[in-house]
Amino acid sequence: MKGKREIKRGREREREREREREREREREREREREREGGGGRERARERERERERERERERKRERKREKERERERERERERERERERERKRERERVRERERERERERERERERERERERERERERVRERERERERDRERESDREREGR
Protein backbone atom coordinates (compact mmCIF):
# COMPACT_ATOMS: atom_id res chain seq x y z
CA MET A 1 0.00 0.00 0.00
CA LYS A 2 1.25 3.48 -0.85
CA GLY A 3 1.06 5.99 1.93
CA LYS A 4 -1.21 9.05 1.65
CA ARG A 5 1.85 11.23 1.20
CA GLU A 6 3.10 9.26 -1.86
CA ILE A 7 -0.37 9.35 -3.42
CA LYS A 8 -0.56 13.11 -2.78
CA ARG A 9 2.95 13.63 -4.18
CA GLY A 10 2.07 11.51 -7.28
CA ARG A 11 -1.07 13.58 -7.92
CA GLU A 12 0.96 16.78 -7.45
CA ARG A 13 3.58 15.63 -9.99
CA GLU A 14 0.80 14.68 -12.45
CA ARG A 15 -0.80 18.15 -12.12
CA GLU A 16 2.65 19.75 -12.63
CA ARG A 17 3.22 17.75 -15.81
CA GLU A 18 -0.26 18.69 -17.07
CA ARG A 19 0.50 22.42 -16.43
CA GLU A 20 3.84 21.99 -18.30
CA ARG A 21 2.08 20.40 -21.30
CA GLU A 22 -0.48 23.26 -21.29
CA ARG A 23 2.33 25.87 -21.26
CA GLU A 24 4.02 24.01 -24.17
CA ARG A 25 0.75 24.01 -26.18
CA GLU A 26 0.39 27.75 -25.44
CA ARG A 27 3.95 28.44 -26.66
CA GLU A 28 3.20 26.40 -29.81
CA ARG A 29 0.00 28.41 -30.47
CA GLU A 30 2.05 31.59 -29.89
CA ARG A 31 4.68 30.54 -32.44
CA GLU A 32 1.87 29.65 -34.90
CA ARG A 33 0.25 33.09 -34.45
CA GLU A 34 3.63 34.70 -35.02
CA ARG A 35 4.14 32.77 -38.26
CA GLU A 36 0.62 33.70 -39.34
CA GLY A 37 1.10 37.32 -38.25
CA GLY A 38 2.69 40.09 -40.40
CA GLY A 39 3.15 39.09 -44.04
CA GLY A 40 0.87 36.09 -43.58
CA ARG A 41 0.38 35.84 -47.33
CA GLU A 42 4.18 35.63 -47.86
CA ARG A 43 4.38 32.86 -45.27
CA ALA A 44 1.44 31.02 -46.87
CA ARG A 45 3.22 31.20 -50.26
CA GLU A 46 6.43 29.97 -48.57
CA ARG A 47 4.56 27.00 -47.05
CA GLU A 48 3.01 26.28 -50.47
CA ARG A 49 6.47 26.38 -52.12
CA GLU A 50 7.79 24.08 -49.36
CA ARG A 51 4.91 21.63 -49.94
CA GLU A 52 5.63 21.80 -53.71
CA ARG A 53 9.33 21.06 -53.10
CA GLU A 54 8.32 18.15 -50.83
CA ARG A 55 5.97 16.78 -53.53
CA GLU A 56 8.82 17.16 -56.08
CA ARG A 57 11.21 15.25 -53.79
CA GLU A 58 8.53 12.57 -53.33
CA ARG A 59 8.05 12.29 -57.13
CA LYS A 60 11.85 12.01 -57.53
CA ARG A 61 12.01 9.27 -54.88
CA GLU A 62 9.10 7.50 -56.62
CA ARG A 63 10.85 7.68 -60.01
CA LYS A 64 14.01 6.31 -58.38
CA ARG A 65 12.06 3.45 -56.78
CA GLU A 66 10.33 2.77 -60.14
CA LYS A 67 13.72 2.67 -61.92
CA GLU A 68 15.03 0.31 -59.24
CA ARG A 69 11.99 -1.96 -59.66
CA GLU A 70 12.52 -1.86 -63.45
CA ARG A 71 16.19 -2.83 -63.04
CA GLU A 72 15.10 -5.64 -60.70
CA ARG A 73 12.56 -6.90 -63.28
CA GLU A 74 15.30 -6.68 -65.97
CA ARG A 75 17.70 -8.69 -63.79
CA GLU A 76 14.90 -11.24 -63.21
CA ARG A 77 14.26 -11.50 -66.97
CA GLU A 78 18.04 -11.91 -67.52
CA ARG A 79 18.18 -14.68 -64.90
CA GLU A 80 15.18 -16.33 -66.62
CA ARG A 81 16.90 -16.13 -70.02
CA GLU A 82 20.07 -17.59 -68.44
CA ARG A 83 18.05 -20.47 -66.94
CA GLU A 84 16.44 -21.03 -70.37
CA ARG A 85 19.86 -21.10 -72.07
CA GLU A 86 21.06 -23.56 -69.39
CA ARG A 87 18.02 -25.81 -69.98
CA LYS A 88 18.72 -25.63 -73.72
CA ARG A 89 22.38 -26.58 -73.22
CA GLU A 90 21.26 -29.44 -70.96
CA ARG A 91 18.80 -30.72 -73.59
CA GLU A 92 21.59 -30.44 -76.21
CA ARG A 93 23.98 -32.43 -73.97
CA VAL A 94 21.27 -35.11 -73.48
CA ARG A 95 20.67 -35.33 -77.25
CA GLU A 96 24.45 -35.49 -77.84
CA ARG A 97 24.84 -38.35 -75.33
CA GLU A 98 21.90 -40.11 -77.02
CA ARG A 99 23.50 -39.68 -80.48
CA GLU A 100 26.81 -40.96 -79.06
CA ARG A 101 25.09 -44.08 -77.63
CA GLU A 102 23.38 -44.58 -81.01
CA ARG A 103 26.72 -44.33 -82.85
CA GLU A 104 28.21 -46.78 -80.33
CA ARG A 105 25.34 -49.26 -80.92
CA GLU A 106 25.85 -48.80 -84.69
CA ARG A 107 29.59 -49.54 -84.37
CA GLU A 108 28.72 -52.60 -82.26
CA ARG A 109 26.26 -53.84 -84.93
CA GLU A 110 28.94 -53.20 -87.59
CA ARG A 111 31.50 -55.22 -85.61
CA GLU A 112 28.90 -58.01 -85.23
CA ARG A 113 28.23 -58.01 -89.00
CA GLU A 114 32.01 -58.08 -89.58
CA ARG A 115 32.38 -61.09 -87.26
CA GLU A 116 29.48 -62.76 -89.08
CA ARG A 117 31.14 -62.14 -92.48
CA GLU A 118 34.41 -63.51 -91.05
CA ARG A 119 32.63 -66.68 -89.82
CA GLU A 120 31.02 -66.99 -93.26
CA ARG A 121 34.44 -66.67 -95.01
CA GLU A 122 35.81 -69.25 -92.54
CA ARG A 123 32.95 -71.68 -93.42
CA VAL A 124 33.64 -71.10 -97.15
CA ARG A 125 37.37 -71.80 -96.64
CA GLU A 126 36.47 -74.90 -94.59
CA ARG A 127 34.15 -76.18 -97.37
CA GLU A 128 36.91 -75.42 -99.89
CA ARG A 129 39.46 -77.39 -97.83
CA GLU A 130 36.89 -80.22 -97.51
CA ARG A 131 36.40 -80.32 -101.32
CA GLU A 132 40.19 -80.23 -101.76
CA ARG A 133 40.59 -83.21 -99.41
CA ASP A 134 37.77 -85.03 -101.28
CA ARG A 135 39.53 -84.41 -104.63
CA GLU A 136 42.82 -85.66 -103.14
CA ARG A 137 41.15 -88.79 -101.79
CA GLU A 138 39.48 -89.30 -105.19
CA SER A 139 42.75 -88.92 -107.09
CA ASP A 140 44.48 -91.24 -104.53
CA ARG A 141 41.75 -93.84 -105.11
CA GLU A 142 42.18 -93.50 -108.89
CA ARG A 143 45.96 -93.97 -108.56
CA GLU A 144 45.36 -96.98 -106.29
CA GLY A 145 42.80 -98.40 -108.69
CA ARG A 146 45.13 -98.41 -111.71
C-alpha atoms as a PDB file:
ATOM      1  CA  MET A   1       0.000   0.000   0.000  1.00  0.00           C
ATOM      2  CA  LYS A   2       1.254   3.476  -0.849  1.00  0.00           C
ATOM      3  CA  GLY A   3       1.064   5.988   1.927  1.00  0.00           C
ATOM      4  CA  LYS A   4      -1.206   9.050   1.646  1.00  0.00           C
ATOM      5  CA  ARG A   5       1.849  11.230   1.202  1.00  0.00           C
ATOM      6  CA  GLU A   6       3.105   9.264  -1.858  1.00  0.00           C
ATOM      7  CA  ILE A   7      -0.367   9.354  -3.417  1.00  0.00           C
ATOM      8  CA  LYS A   8      -0.560  13.112  -2.781  1.00  0.00           C
ATOM      9  CA  ARG A   9       2.951  13.633  -4.183  1.00  0.00           C
ATOM     10  CA  GLY A  10       2.075  11.505  -7.282  1.00  0.00           C
ATOM     11  CA  ARG A  11      -1.067  13.581  -7.924  1.00  0.00           C
ATOM     12  CA  GLU A  12       0.959  16.781  -7.449  1.00  0.00           C
ATOM     13  CA  ARG A  13       3.584  15.632  -9.994  1.00  0.00           C
ATOM     14  CA  GLU A  14       0.798  14.683 -12.450  1.00  0.00           C
ATOM     15  CA  ARG A  15      -0.803  18.151 -12.115  1.00  0.00           C
ATOM     16  CA  GLU A  16       2.655  19.747 -12.628  1.00  0.00           C
ATOM     17  CA  ARG A  17       3.222  17.746 -15.815  1.00  0.00           C
ATOM     18  CA  GLU A  18      -0.257  18.692 -17.070  1.00  0.00           C
ATOM     19  CA  ARG A  19       0.499  22.416 -16.434  1.00  0.00           C
ATOM     20  CA  GLU A  20       3.837  21.988 -18.301  1.00  0.00           C
ATOM     21  CA  ARG A  21       2.083  20.401 -21.303  1.00  0.00           C
ATOM     22  CA  GLU A  22      -0.478  23.258 -21.291  1.00  0.00           C
ATOM     23  CA  ARG A  23       2.329  25.868 -21.255  1.00  0.00           C
ATOM     24  CA  GLU A  24       4.016  24.012 -24.165  1.00  0.00           C
ATOM     25  CA  ARG A  25       0.749  24.014 -26.179  1.00  0.00           C
ATOM     26  CA  GLU A  26       0.390  27.745 -25.440  1.00  0.00           C
ATOM     27  CA  ARG A  27       3.949  28.443 -26.657  1.00  0.00           C
ATOM     28  CA  GLU A  28       3.198  26.405 -29.806  1.00  0.00           C
ATOM     29  CA  ARG A  29       0.002  28.412 -30.472  1.00  0.00           C
ATOM     30  CA  GLU A  30       2.045  31.595 -29.895  1.00  0.00           C
ATOM     31  CA  ARG A  31       4.683  30.542 -32.443  1.00  0.00           C
ATOM     32  CA  GLU A  32       1.866  29.645 -34.898  1.00  0.00           C
ATOM     33  CA  ARG A  33       0.248  33.088 -34.452  1.00  0.00           C
ATOM     34  CA  GLU A  34       3.627  34.698 -35.022  1.00  0.00           C
ATOM     35  CA  ARG A  35       4.143  32.768 -38.259  1.00  0.00           C
ATOM     36  CA  GLU A  36       0.616  33.699 -39.343  1.00  0.00           C
ATOM     37  CA  GLY A  37       1.098  37.315 -38.252  1.00  0.00           C
ATOM     38  CA  GLY A  38       2.689  40.089 -40.401  1.00  0.00           C
ATOM     39  CA  GLY A  39       3.146  39.092 -44.043  1.00  0.00           C
ATOM     40  CA  GLY A  40       0.874  36.087 -43.579  1.00  0.00           C
ATOM     41  CA  ARG A  41       0.381  35.840 -47.335  1.00  0.00           C
ATOM     42  CA  GLU A  42       4.180  35.632 -47.864  1.00  0.00           C
ATOM     43  CA  ARG A  43       4.384  32.862 -45.274  1.00  0.00           C
ATOM     44  CA  ALA A  44       1.444  31.022 -46.869  1.00  0.00           C
ATOM     45  CA  ARG A  45       3.224  31.199 -50.258  1.00  0.00           C
ATOM     46  CA  GLU A  46       6.434  29.970 -48.572  1.00  0.00           C
ATOM     47  CA  ARG A  47       4.557  27.002 -47.054  1.00  0.00           C
ATOM     48  CA  GLU A  48       3.009  26.276 -50.474  1.00  0.00           C
ATOM     49  CA  ARG A  49       6.466  26.383 -52.119  1.00  0.00           C
ATOM     50  CA  GLU A  50       7.793  24.078 -49.362  1.00  0.00           C
ATOM     51  CA  ARG A  51       4.915  21.628 -49.940  1.00  0.00           C
ATOM     52  CA  GLU A  52       5.631  21.797 -53.708  1.00  0.00           C
ATOM     53  CA  ARG A  53       9.329  21.065 -53.104  1.00  0.00           C
ATOM     54  CA  GLU A  54       8.316  18.152 -50.832  1.00  0.00           C
ATOM     55  CA  ARG A  55       5.974  16.785 -53.529  1.00  0.00           C
ATOM     56  CA  GLU A  56       8.817  17.159 -56.081  1.00  0.00           C
ATOM     57  CA  ARG A  57      11.209  15.254 -53.789  1.00  0.00           C
ATOM     58  CA  GLU A  58       8.530  12.569 -53.334  1.00  0.00           C
ATOM     59  CA  ARG A  59       8.054  12.286 -57.125  1.00  0.00           C
ATOM     60  CA  LYS A  60      11.848  12.007 -57.532  1.00  0.00           C
ATOM     61  CA  ARG A  61      12.007   9.270 -54.884  1.00  0.00           C
ATOM     62  CA  GLU A  62       9.102   7.501 -56.616  1.00  0.00           C
ATOM     63  CA  ARG A  63      10.854   7.682 -60.014  1.00  0.00           C
ATOM     64  CA  LYS A  64      14.006   6.313 -58.379  1.00  0.00           C
ATOM     65  CA  ARG A  65      12.056   3.449 -56.783  1.00  0.00           C
ATOM     66  CA  GLU A  66      10.334   2.766 -60.137  1.00  0.00           C
ATOM     67  CA  LYS A  67      13.717   2.668 -61.922  1.00  0.00           C
ATOM     68  CA  GLU A  68      15.031   0.313 -59.241  1.00  0.00           C
ATOM     69  CA  ARG A  69      11.987  -1.965 -59.659  1.00  0.00           C
ATOM     70  CA  GLU A  70      12.521  -1.859 -63.449  1.00  0.00           C
ATOM     71  CA  ARG A  71      16.189  -2.832 -63.044  1.00  0.00           C
ATOM     72  CA  GLU A  72      15.099  -5.640 -60.704  1.00  0.00           C
ATOM     73  CA  ARG A  73      12.561  -6.901 -63.285  1.00  0.00           C
ATOM     74  CA  GLU A  74      15.299  -6.682 -65.970  1.00  0.00           C
ATOM     75  CA  ARG A  75      17.702  -8.687 -63.795  1.00  0.00           C
ATOM     76  CA  GLU A  76      14.903 -11.236 -63.207  1.00  0.00           C
ATOM     77  CA  ARG A  77      14.264 -11.503 -66.974  1.00  0.00           C
ATOM     78  CA  GLU A  78      18.045 -11.906 -67.516  1.00  0.00           C
ATOM     79  CA  ARG A  79      18.181 -14.678 -64.900  1.00  0.00           C
ATOM     80  CA  GLU A  80      15.177 -16.330 -66.618  1.00  0.00           C
ATOM     81  CA  ARG A  81      16.901 -16.127 -70.024  1.00  0.00           C
ATOM     82  CA  GLU A  82      20.069 -17.585 -68.440  1.00  0.00           C
ATOM     83  CA  ARG A  83      18.051 -20.473 -66.936  1.00  0.00           C
ATOM     84  CA  GLU A  84      16.438 -21.025 -70.373  1.00  0.00           C
ATOM     85  CA  ARG A  85      19.863 -21.104 -72.070  1.00  0.00           C
ATOM     86  CA  GLU A  86      21.059 -23.556 -69.392  1.00  0.00           C
ATOM     87  CA  ARG A  87      18.021 -25.808 -69.978  1.00  0.00           C
ATOM     88  CA  LYS A  88      18.719 -25.634 -73.717  1.00  0.00           C
ATOM     89  CA  ARG A  89      22.383 -26.575 -73.216  1.00  0.00           C
ATOM     90  CA  GLU A  90      21.257 -29.441 -70.959  1.00  0.00           C
ATOM     91  CA  ARG A  91      18.798 -30.721 -73.587  1.00  0.00           C
ATOM     92  CA  GLU A  92      21.592 -30.439 -76.205  1.00  0.00           C
ATOM     93  CA  ARG A  93      23.980 -32.429 -73.969  1.00  0.00           C
ATOM     94  CA  VAL A  94      21.274 -35.106 -73.480  1.00  0.00           C
ATOM     95  CA  ARG A  95      20.670 -35.326 -77.247  1.00  0.00           C
ATOM     96  CA  GLU A  96      24.453 -35.488 -77.840  1.00  0.00           C
ATOM     97  CA  ARG A  97      24.838 -38.346 -75.331  1.00  0.00           C
ATOM     98  CA  GLU A  98      21.897 -40.110 -77.024  1.00  0.00           C
ATOM     99  CA  ARG A  99      23.497 -39.680 -80.478  1.00  0.00           C
ATOM    100  CA  GLU A 100      26.810 -40.959 -79.058  1.00  0.00           C
ATOM    101  CA  ARG A 101      25.089 -44.080 -77.633  1.00  0.00           C
ATOM    102  CA  GLU A 102      23.375 -44.581 -81.015  1.00  0.00           C
ATOM    103  CA  ARG A 103      26.725 -44.330 -82.851  1.00  0.00           C
ATOM    104  CA  GLU A 104      28.209 -46.783 -80.335  1.00  0.00           C
ATOM    105  CA  ARG A 105      25.337 -49.256 -80.923  1.00  0.00           C
ATOM    106  CA  GLU A 106      25.850 -48.804 -84.687  1.00  0.00           C
ATOM    107  CA  ARG A 107      29.585 -49.537 -84.367  1.00  0.00           C
ATOM    108  CA  GLU A 108      28.721 -52.602 -82.261  1.00  0.00           C
ATOM    109  CA  ARG A 109      26.264 -53.843 -84.931  1.00  0.00           C
ATOM    110  CA  GLU A 110      28.944 -53.202 -87.585  1.00  0.00           C
ATOM    111  CA  ARG A 111      31.495 -55.223 -85.607  1.00  0.00           C
ATOM    112  CA  GLU A 112      28.896 -58.005 -85.235  1.00  0.00           C
ATOM    113  CA  ARG A 113      28.228 -58.010 -88.997  1.00  0.00           C
ATOM    114  CA  GLU A 114      32.011 -58.085 -89.584  1.00  0.00           C
ATOM    115  CA  ARG A 115      32.385 -61.093 -87.263  1.00  0.00           C
ATOM    116  CA  GLU A 116      29.478 -62.763 -89.082  1.00  0.00           C
ATOM    117  CA  ARG A 117      31.142 -62.144 -92.479  1.00  0.00           C
ATOM    118  CA  GLU A 118      34.414 -63.513 -91.047  1.00  0.00           C
ATOM    119  CA  ARG A 119      32.634 -66.684 -89.820  1.00  0.00           C
ATOM    120  CA  GLU A 120      31.018 -66.994 -93.259  1.00  0.00           C
ATOM    121  CA  ARG A 121      34.435 -66.673 -95.006  1.00  0.00           C
ATOM    122  CA  GLU A 122      35.812 -69.251 -92.540  1.00  0.00           C
ATOM    123  CA  ARG A 123      32.951 -71.680 -93.418  1.00  0.00           C
ATOM    124  CA  VAL A 124      33.637 -71.102 -97.146  1.00  0.00           C
ATOM    125  CA  ARG A 125      37.372 -71.804 -96.639  1.00  0.00           C
ATOM    126  CA  GLU A 126      36.466 -74.904 -94.587  1.00  0.00           C
ATOM    127  CA  ARG A 127      34.152 -76.181 -97.369  1.00  0.00           C
ATOM    128  CA  GLU A 128      36.909 -75.418 -99.893  1.00  0.00           C
ATOM    129  CA  ARG A 129      39.456 -77.393 -97.831  1.00  0.00           C
ATOM    130  CA  GLU A 130      36.893 -80.219 -97.511  1.00  0.00           C
ATOM    131  CA  ARG A 131      36.398 -80.324-101.319  1.00  0.00           C
ATOM    132  CA  GLU A 132      40.188 -80.233-101.756  1.00  0.00           C
ATOM    133  CA  ARG A 133      40.588 -83.207 -99.406  1.00  0.00           C
ATOM    134  CA  ASP A 134      37.774 -85.035-101.279  1.00  0.00           C
ATOM    135  CA  ARG A 135      39.533 -84.410-104.627  1.00  0.00           C
ATOM    136  CA  GLU A 136      42.820 -85.655-103.137  1.00  0.00           C
ATOM    137  CA  ARG A 137      41.149 -88.786-101.786  1.00  0.00           C
ATOM    138  CA  GLU A 138      39.484 -89.300-105.190  1.00  0.00           C
ATOM    139  CA  SER A 139      42.751 -88.923-107.086  1.00  0.00           C
ATOM    140  CA  ASP A 140      44.483 -91.239-104.534  1.00  0.00           C
ATOM    141  CA  ARG A 141      41.751 -93.836-105.108  1.00  0.00           C
ATOM    142  CA  GLU A 142      42.185 -93.495-108.887  1.00  0.00           C
ATOM    143  CA  ARG A 143      45.965 -93.972-108.560  1.00  0.00           C
ATOM    144  CA  GLU A 144      45.365 -96.979-106.292  1.00  0.00           C
ATOM    145  CA  GLY A 145      42.795 -98.403-108.687  1.00  0.00           C
ATOM    146  CA  ARG A 146      45.128 -98.410-111.708  1.00  0.00           C
END
